[in-house]
Amino acid sequence: MISAAVTAAAALALTGCAGAPSAPGGSGSPAAFDPNALSVVATTTQVADFTREVAGSSAEVTQLIQPNQSAHTFDPSAADLVALSKADVVVKNGAGLEEWLDDAIDASGFSGVVIDASSGISLDDTAAGEHDQGGDADDVTTPRTASPTKGALAENPHIWTDPMRAEQMVHTIADGLAAAYPHDASAIQDNAVAYSSKLDALDAWTRANVDTVPAAQRLFVSNHDAFGYFVEAYGIDYVGSVIPSFDDNAEPSAAEIDQLVAAIKGTGTKAVFSEASLSPKTADTIAKEAGVRVYSGDDALYGDSLGPAGSDGATYLAAQEHNVRLLLESWGVRPSPLPAALG
């Protein structure tokens, strides 16, 4: 697919008719590039949001993956390859998430700087099936194990789900942009510090609210295994996921579905959460079989992708707040007001 796309991209570029990449925020309108600013391509919705916050007016940011698209199965378009070919910097999530990116960079002829936002972050290789599900060794809530699939990720790339790891990503991005554009290095670092203060406030607000829930009641089931770093950060029991894989393109077996239903019943979990970028069909089925509520539609979580402009998940901060509020609701808790830093 990339070969076909690059052929089309080359033809379009030569004729001057290549489609313009999406504007920052994924609006779909052409991006008006300032010739004096750094040209940056960011891969995922979260990384693009971090990059825009850090760069400010120092860069024009083109976002490849659009809201509610999967990073695992993304296929770059001809316009994406043209954007890569013109970029000074590429910012990626890293940790193996963008398996398609190396081929796209090679095909586009990009020769700039690549910033890997996962640099220096310790990665977790524990799949959903290996989390403690609260049962005894001999009962039906024994841990589920995901069936190996071709190209399966060995480590969890969803590092942004923990705001403190997101803060590490932000500073890595800032350092990379400052090195690439020394003229505005001071402004870039100032932006990173200001945004970090908001992440600190988000973390403190989340922790304070989660801590009001007894540990035995902090039970969580998601659509796929995207929240490992989040549950680790806040002491939440990850009962399991509908898709027991880091890759949202995998499919659960009938046996894995039965095991998850048994785990939900055995632990007293109250809800199953779908994700905005995934079909809720299997989550609906599992919730119905387990006799619990399913959160889907507008109440789905933002996992692999942020949402479109105007949605509850339009930015990273908004998406995290949305997720925490719904999780607290499923535990019967009303969250405290947001701190002023997030207001």
Protein backbone atom coordinates (compact mmCIF):
# COMPACT_ATOMS: atom_id res chain seq x y z
CA MET A 1 0.00 0.00 0.00
CA ILE A 2 2.86 2.37 0.83
CA SER A 3 4.48 1.65 -2.56
CA ALA A 4 1.26 2.59 -4.32
CA ALA A 5 0.91 5.68 -2.16
CA VAL A 6 4.43 6.90 -2.80
CA THR A 7 3.96 6.46 -6.56
CA ALA A 8 0.85 8.59 -6.35
CA ALA A 9 2.60 11.08 -4.10
CA ALA A 10 5.48 11.47 -6.51
CA ALA A 11 3.15 12.09 -9.40
CA LEU A 12 1.12 14.61 -7.43
CA ALA A 13 4.18 16.42 -6.16
CA LEU A 14 5.62 16.73 -9.65
CA THR A 15 2.41 18.22 -10.97
CA GLY A 16 1.98 20.47 -7.97
CA CYS A 17 -1.43 18.97 -7.26
CA ALA A 18 -0.72 16.94 -4.12
CA GLY A 19 -3.52 17.10 -1.57
CA ALA A 20 -2.63 19.19 1.44
CA PRO A 21 -2.24 17.36 4.73
CA SER A 22 -4.67 17.99 7.54
CA ALA A 23 -4.34 21.12 9.59
CA PRO A 24 -3.37 20.88 13.25
CA GLY A 25 -6.14 19.23 15.23
CA GLY A 26 -7.29 17.07 12.33
CA SER A 27 -9.81 19.54 10.90
CA GLY A 28 -9.21 18.25 7.39
CA SER A 29 -8.65 21.77 6.00
CA PRO A 30 -5.34 22.63 4.32
CA ALA A 31 -2.53 23.59 6.67
CA ALA A 32 -1.16 27.07 5.98
CA PHE A 33 2.57 26.69 6.61
CA ASP A 34 4.58 29.65 7.88
CA PRO A 35 7.83 29.46 5.88
CA ASN A 36 9.76 30.80 8.89
CA ALA A 37 8.50 28.15 11.32
CA LEU A 38 9.75 24.64 11.83
CA SER A 39 7.79 22.08 9.79
CA VAL A 40 6.85 19.17 12.04
CA VAL A 41 4.92 15.97 11.33
CA ALA A 42 3.50 14.21 14.39
CA THR A 43 2.09 10.71 14.18
CA THR A 44 -0.60 10.00 16.78
CA THR A 45 -3.33 12.28 18.08
CA GLN A 46 -1.76 12.42 21.55
CA VAL A 47 1.77 13.13 20.31
CA ALA A 48 0.42 15.80 17.96
CA ASP A 49 -1.42 17.46 20.85
CA PHE A 50 1.73 17.44 23.00
CA THR A 51 3.77 18.81 20.10
CA ARG A 52 1.36 21.68 19.43
CA GLU A 53 1.34 22.60 23.13
CA VAL A 54 5.13 22.60 23.30
CA ALA A 55 5.88 24.19 19.93
CA GLY A 56 3.44 27.07 20.18
CA SER A 57 4.18 29.43 17.29
CA SER A 58 7.62 27.91 16.72
CA ALA A 59 6.34 25.17 14.42
CA GLU A 60 3.59 24.21 12.04
CA VAL A 61 2.42 20.75 13.07
CA THR A 62 0.88 18.28 10.63
CA GLN A 63 -0.97 15.42 12.32
CA LEU A 64 -1.00 12.11 10.45
CA ILE A 65 -3.48 9.97 12.41
CA GLN A 66 -6.87 11.61 12.70
CA PRO A 67 -9.34 11.46 15.62
CA ASN A 68 -10.81 8.02 16.31
CA GLN A 69 -8.36 6.31 13.93
CA SER A 70 -6.26 3.37 15.07
CA ALA A 71 -2.51 3.90 15.28
CA HIS A 72 -2.00 0.15 14.88
CA THR A 73 -3.60 -0.14 11.44
CA PHE A 74 -2.93 3.33 10.03
CA ASP A 75 -2.05 3.46 6.33
CA PRO A 76 -0.32 6.70 5.20
CA SER A 77 -1.88 8.48 2.25
CA ALA A 78 -0.07 10.14 -0.64
CA ALA A 79 -0.57 13.52 1.05
CA ASP A 80 0.93 12.14 4.27
CA LEU A 81 4.05 11.06 2.39
CA VAL A 82 4.35 14.49 0.78
CA ALA A 83 4.07 16.08 4.25
CA LEU A 84 6.83 13.78 5.50
CA SER A 85 9.04 14.66 2.55
CA LYS A 86 8.79 18.37 3.41
CA ALA A 87 9.14 18.05 7.19
CA ASP A 88 12.11 19.19 9.25
CA VAL A 89 11.11 16.99 12.21
CA VAL A 90 8.99 13.89 12.78
CA VAL A 91 7.63 13.26 16.28
CA LYS A 92 6.49 9.72 17.03
CA ASN A 93 5.09 7.93 20.05
CA GLY A 94 7.62 5.12 19.66
CA ALA A 95 7.64 1.93 21.76
CA GLY A 96 6.79 -0.01 18.60
CA LEU A 97 3.38 1.62 18.09
CA GLU A 98 3.90 3.04 14.59
CA GLU A 99 5.04 -0.11 12.80
CA TRP A 100 4.25 1.53 9.46
CA LEU A 101 6.39 4.64 10.02
CA ASP A 102 9.84 3.42 8.94
CA ASP A 103 8.53 2.36 5.55
CA ALA A 104 6.69 5.66 5.16
CA ILE A 105 9.81 7.66 6.02
CA ASP A 106 11.89 5.66 3.54
CA ALA A 107 9.26 6.03 0.84
CA SER A 108 8.88 9.77 1.38
CA GLY A 109 12.60 10.57 1.32
CA PHE A 110 12.39 12.37 4.68
CA SER A 111 15.88 13.34 5.84
CA GLY A 112 15.23 15.37 8.98
CA VAL A 113 15.21 14.64 12.72
CA VAL A 114 13.04 11.95 14.33
CA ILE A 115 11.99 12.54 17.95
CA ASP A 116 10.97 9.36 19.75
CA ALA A 117 8.72 10.50 22.60
CA SER A 118 9.09 7.15 24.38
CA SER A 119 12.84 7.61 24.88
CA GLY A 120 13.91 6.99 28.47
CA ILE A 121 10.54 5.58 29.56
CA SER A 122 10.45 2.11 31.12
CA LEU A 123 8.03 -0.05 29.14
CA ASP A 124 5.68 -2.70 30.52
CA ASP A 125 5.44 -6.09 28.80
CA THR A 126 2.52 -7.39 30.90
CA ALA A 127 -0.56 -8.23 28.82
CA ALA A 128 -4.11 -7.89 30.12
CA GLY A 129 -4.36 -11.62 30.71
CA GLU A 130 -1.49 -11.49 33.18
CA HIS A 131 -3.02 -8.92 35.52
CA ASP A 132 -4.32 -10.07 38.88
CA GLN A 133 -8.06 -10.54 38.53
CA GLY A 134 -8.77 -11.01 42.20
CA GLY A 135 -9.52 -14.73 42.21
CA ASP A 136 -8.06 -17.74 43.98
CA ALA A 137 -5.72 -20.00 42.08
CA ASP A 138 -8.39 -22.66 41.55
CA ASP A 139 -11.44 -20.58 40.68
CA VAL A 140 -12.89 -19.32 37.40
CA THR A 141 -11.20 -15.93 37.60
CA THR A 142 -7.75 -17.26 36.76
CA PRO A 143 -5.76 -14.91 34.53
CA ARG A 144 -6.49 -14.89 30.83
CA THR A 145 -3.59 -15.21 28.42
CA ALA A 146 -3.69 -13.64 25.01
CA SER A 147 -3.12 -15.89 22.03
CA PRO A 148 0.03 -14.83 20.16
CA THR A 149 -0.67 -13.11 16.87
CA LYS A 150 1.61 -12.30 13.98
CA GLY A 151 3.37 -9.00 14.55
CA ALA A 152 2.04 -8.73 18.11
CA LEU A 153 3.62 -5.98 20.20
CA ALA A 154 6.03 -7.29 22.83
CA GLU A 155 5.75 -4.17 25.03
CA ASN A 156 2.91 -1.85 25.88
CA PRO A 157 3.20 1.34 23.79
CA HIS A 158 0.26 3.18 25.44
CA ILE A 159 2.54 5.23 27.66
CA TRP A 160 0.46 8.42 27.47
CA THR A 161 -2.34 6.92 29.61
CA ASP A 162 -0.26 7.79 32.70
CA PRO A 163 -0.02 11.62 32.94
CA MET A 164 3.41 11.41 34.55
CA ARG A 165 4.75 9.37 31.65
CA ALA A 166 3.00 11.83 29.34
CA GLU A 167 5.00 14.56 31.08
CA GLN A 168 8.21 12.70 30.26
CA MET A 169 7.07 12.54 26.62
CA VAL A 170 6.41 16.28 26.62
CA HIS A 171 9.91 17.12 27.86
CA THR A 172 11.49 14.73 25.34
CA ILE A 173 9.55 16.44 22.55
CA ALA A 174 10.55 19.88 23.87
CA ASP A 175 14.23 18.94 24.03
CA GLY A 176 14.11 17.61 20.48
CA LEU A 177 12.33 20.66 19.08
CA ALA A 178 14.61 23.05 20.95
CA ALA A 179 17.67 21.31 19.51
CA ALA A 180 16.18 21.43 16.01
CA TYR A 181 15.18 25.09 16.31
CA PRO A 182 17.63 26.84 18.71
CA HIS A 183 16.24 30.25 17.75
CA ASP A 184 13.06 29.52 19.77
CA ALA A 185 14.51 27.04 22.28
CA SER A 186 13.67 29.21 25.27
CA ALA A 187 10.02 29.64 24.25
CA ILE A 188 9.69 25.92 23.54
CA GLN A 189 11.02 24.99 26.98
CA ASP A 190 8.78 27.58 28.64
CA ASN A 191 5.78 26.05 26.88
CA ALA A 192 6.80 22.60 28.11
CA VAL A 193 7.04 23.81 31.70
CA ALA A 194 3.62 25.49 31.50
CA TYR A 195 1.99 22.38 30.03
CA SER A 196 3.73 20.16 32.58
CA SER A 197 2.07 22.11 35.37
CA LYS A 198 -1.30 21.17 33.89
CA LEU A 199 -0.27 17.52 33.73
CA ASP A 200 0.79 17.71 37.37
CA ALA A 201 -2.62 19.13 38.27
CA LEU A 202 -4.37 16.39 36.28
CA ASP A 203 -2.37 13.72 38.04
CA ALA A 204 -3.08 15.16 41.49
CA TRP A 205 -6.81 15.50 40.75
CA THR A 206 -7.02 11.95 39.42
CA ARG A 207 -5.11 10.49 42.35
CA ALA A 208 -7.15 12.37 44.96
CA ASN A 209 -10.41 11.13 43.46
CA VAL A 210 -9.34 7.54 42.87
CA ASP A 211 -8.03 7.38 46.44
CA THR A 212 -11.58 8.00 47.74
CA VAL A 213 -12.56 4.57 46.38
CA PRO A 214 -11.68 1.50 48.49
CA ALA A 215 -8.94 -0.47 46.75
CA ALA A 216 -11.11 -3.59 46.46
CA GLN A 217 -13.70 -1.61 44.45
CA ARG A 218 -11.30 -0.13 41.88
CA LEU A 219 -12.18 -2.68 39.18
CA PHE A 220 -11.78 -1.91 35.49
CA VAL A 221 -12.51 -3.70 32.20
CA SER A 222 -11.65 -1.97 28.91
CA ASN A 223 -12.04 -2.79 25.24
CA HIS A 224 -8.38 -3.59 24.63
CA ASP A 225 -5.23 -3.64 26.73
CA ALA A 226 -4.45 0.06 26.42
CA PHE A 227 -4.59 1.22 30.04
CA GLY A 228 -1.85 -0.73 31.80
CA TYR A 229 0.21 2.35 32.70
CA PHE A 230 -2.90 4.19 33.90
CA VAL A 231 -4.02 1.43 36.28
CA GLU A 232 -0.45 0.99 37.53
CA ALA A 233 -0.20 4.68 38.33
CA TYR A 234 -3.40 4.84 40.37
CA GLY A 235 -3.66 1.44 42.01
CA ILE A 236 -6.57 0.16 39.92
CA ASP A 237 -7.29 -3.55 39.47
CA TYR A 238 -7.32 -4.24 35.72
CA VAL A 239 -9.68 -7.22 35.61
CA GLY A 240 -9.10 -7.65 31.88
CA SER A 241 -9.87 -6.41 28.40
CA VAL A 242 -12.30 -7.48 25.69
CA ILE A 243 -9.35 -7.77 23.32
CA PRO A 244 -6.53 -9.25 25.44
CA SER A 245 -3.80 -7.60 23.39
CA PHE A 246 -1.88 -4.34 23.13
CA ASP A 247 -2.99 -4.30 19.46
CA ASP A 248 -6.61 -3.21 18.93
CA ASN A 249 -6.65 -5.14 15.65
CA ALA A 250 -6.56 -8.50 17.45
CA GLU A 251 -9.69 -10.55 18.12
CA PRO A 252 -10.65 -12.46 21.28
CA SER A 253 -11.43 -16.17 21.09
CA ALA A 254 -14.67 -17.62 22.45
CA ALA A 255 -12.73 -19.10 25.37
CA GLU A 256 -11.18 -15.71 26.20
CA ILE A 257 -14.62 -14.07 26.13
CA ASP A 258 -15.98 -16.74 28.50
CA GLN A 259 -13.02 -16.22 30.84
CA LEU A 260 -13.56 -12.47 30.92
CA VAL A 261 -17.28 -12.87 31.65
CA ALA A 262 -16.38 -15.23 34.52
CA ALA A 263 -13.79 -12.76 35.82
CA ILE A 264 -16.30 -9.88 35.76
CA LYS A 265 -18.83 -11.91 37.71
CA GLY A 266 -16.23 -13.33 40.08
CA THR A 267 -14.74 -9.96 41.01
CA GLY A 268 -17.98 -8.00 41.15
CA THR A 269 -16.93 -5.60 38.40
CA LYS A 270 -19.79 -3.18 37.62
CA ALA A 271 -19.05 -2.09 34.05
CA VAL A 272 -17.31 -2.76 30.75
CA PHE A 273 -15.80 0.21 28.91
CA SER A 274 -15.68 0.44 25.15
CA GLU A 275 -13.30 2.84 23.40
CA ALA A 276 -14.23 5.64 21.03
CA SER A 277 -11.97 4.36 18.24
CA LEU A 278 -13.24 0.75 18.42
CA SER A 279 -16.51 -1.01 17.67
CA PRO A 280 -18.48 -1.60 20.90
CA LYS A 281 -20.11 -4.78 19.60
CA THR A 282 -18.06 -7.35 21.54
CA ALA A 283 -17.98 -5.15 24.65
CA ASP A 284 -21.79 -4.95 24.46
CA THR A 285 -22.03 -8.73 24.23
CA ILE A 286 -19.70 -9.34 27.17
CA ALA A 287 -21.45 -6.76 29.35
CA LYS A 288 -24.82 -8.33 28.57
CA GLU A 289 -23.59 -11.83 29.39
CA ALA A 290 -22.02 -10.60 32.63
CA GLY A 291 -25.09 -8.55 33.56
CA VAL A 292 -23.23 -5.24 33.90
CA ARG A 293 -23.37 -1.81 32.28
CA VAL A 294 -21.45 -1.05 29.11
CA TYR A 295 -20.03 2.43 28.55
CA SER A 296 -20.05 3.18 24.82
CA GLY A 297 -20.96 5.91 22.33
CA ASP A 298 -20.44 9.32 23.96
CA ASP A 299 -19.50 7.48 27.15
CA ALA A 300 -16.74 5.41 25.55
CA LEU A 301 -13.20 5.97 26.75
CA TYR A 302 -10.48 7.66 24.71
CA GLY A 303 -7.68 5.12 24.46
CA ASP A 304 -5.63 4.83 21.29
CA SER A 305 -6.99 8.07 19.88
CA LEU A 306 -8.25 11.45 20.97
CA GLY A 307 -11.62 12.63 19.69
CA PRO A 308 -12.58 15.24 17.10
CA ALA A 309 -12.82 18.96 17.81
CA GLY A 310 -15.79 19.71 20.03
CA SER A 311 -15.84 16.27 21.66
CA ASP A 312 -14.97 15.44 25.27
CA GLY A 313 -11.69 14.03 24.00
CA ALA A 314 -10.55 16.83 21.71
CA THR A 315 -7.33 17.29 23.71
CA TYR A 316 -5.24 15.01 25.89
CA LEU A 317 -6.23 16.84 29.08
CA ALA A 318 -9.93 16.72 28.17
CA ALA A 319 -9.76 13.05 27.22
CA GLN A 320 -8.08 12.05 30.48
CA GLU A 321 -10.62 14.04 32.51
CA HIS A 322 -13.45 12.36 30.56
CA ASN A 323 -12.02 8.89 31.21
CA VAL A 324 -11.51 9.49 34.92
CA ARG A 325 -15.00 10.93 35.39
CA LEU A 326 -16.64 7.91 33.77
CA LEU A 327 -14.52 5.44 35.69
CA LEU A 328 -15.40 7.16 38.97
CA GLU A 329 -19.07 7.13 37.97
CA SER A 330 -18.89 3.36 37.43
CA TRP A 331 -17.64 3.08 41.03
CA GLY A 332 -20.42 5.30 42.34
CA VAL A 333 -18.25 8.34 43.01
CA ARG A 334 -18.83 11.96 42.02
CA PRO A 335 -15.51 13.64 41.16
CA SER A 336 -14.34 16.80 42.85
CA PRO A 337 -14.19 20.05 40.84
CA LEU A 338 -11.27 20.41 38.50
CA PRO A 339 -8.30 22.42 39.81
CA ALA A 340 -7.90 25.97 38.53
CA ALA A 341 -4.93 24.95 36.39
CA LEU A 342 -7.27 22.80 34.30
CA GLY A 343 -10.23 25.17 34.35
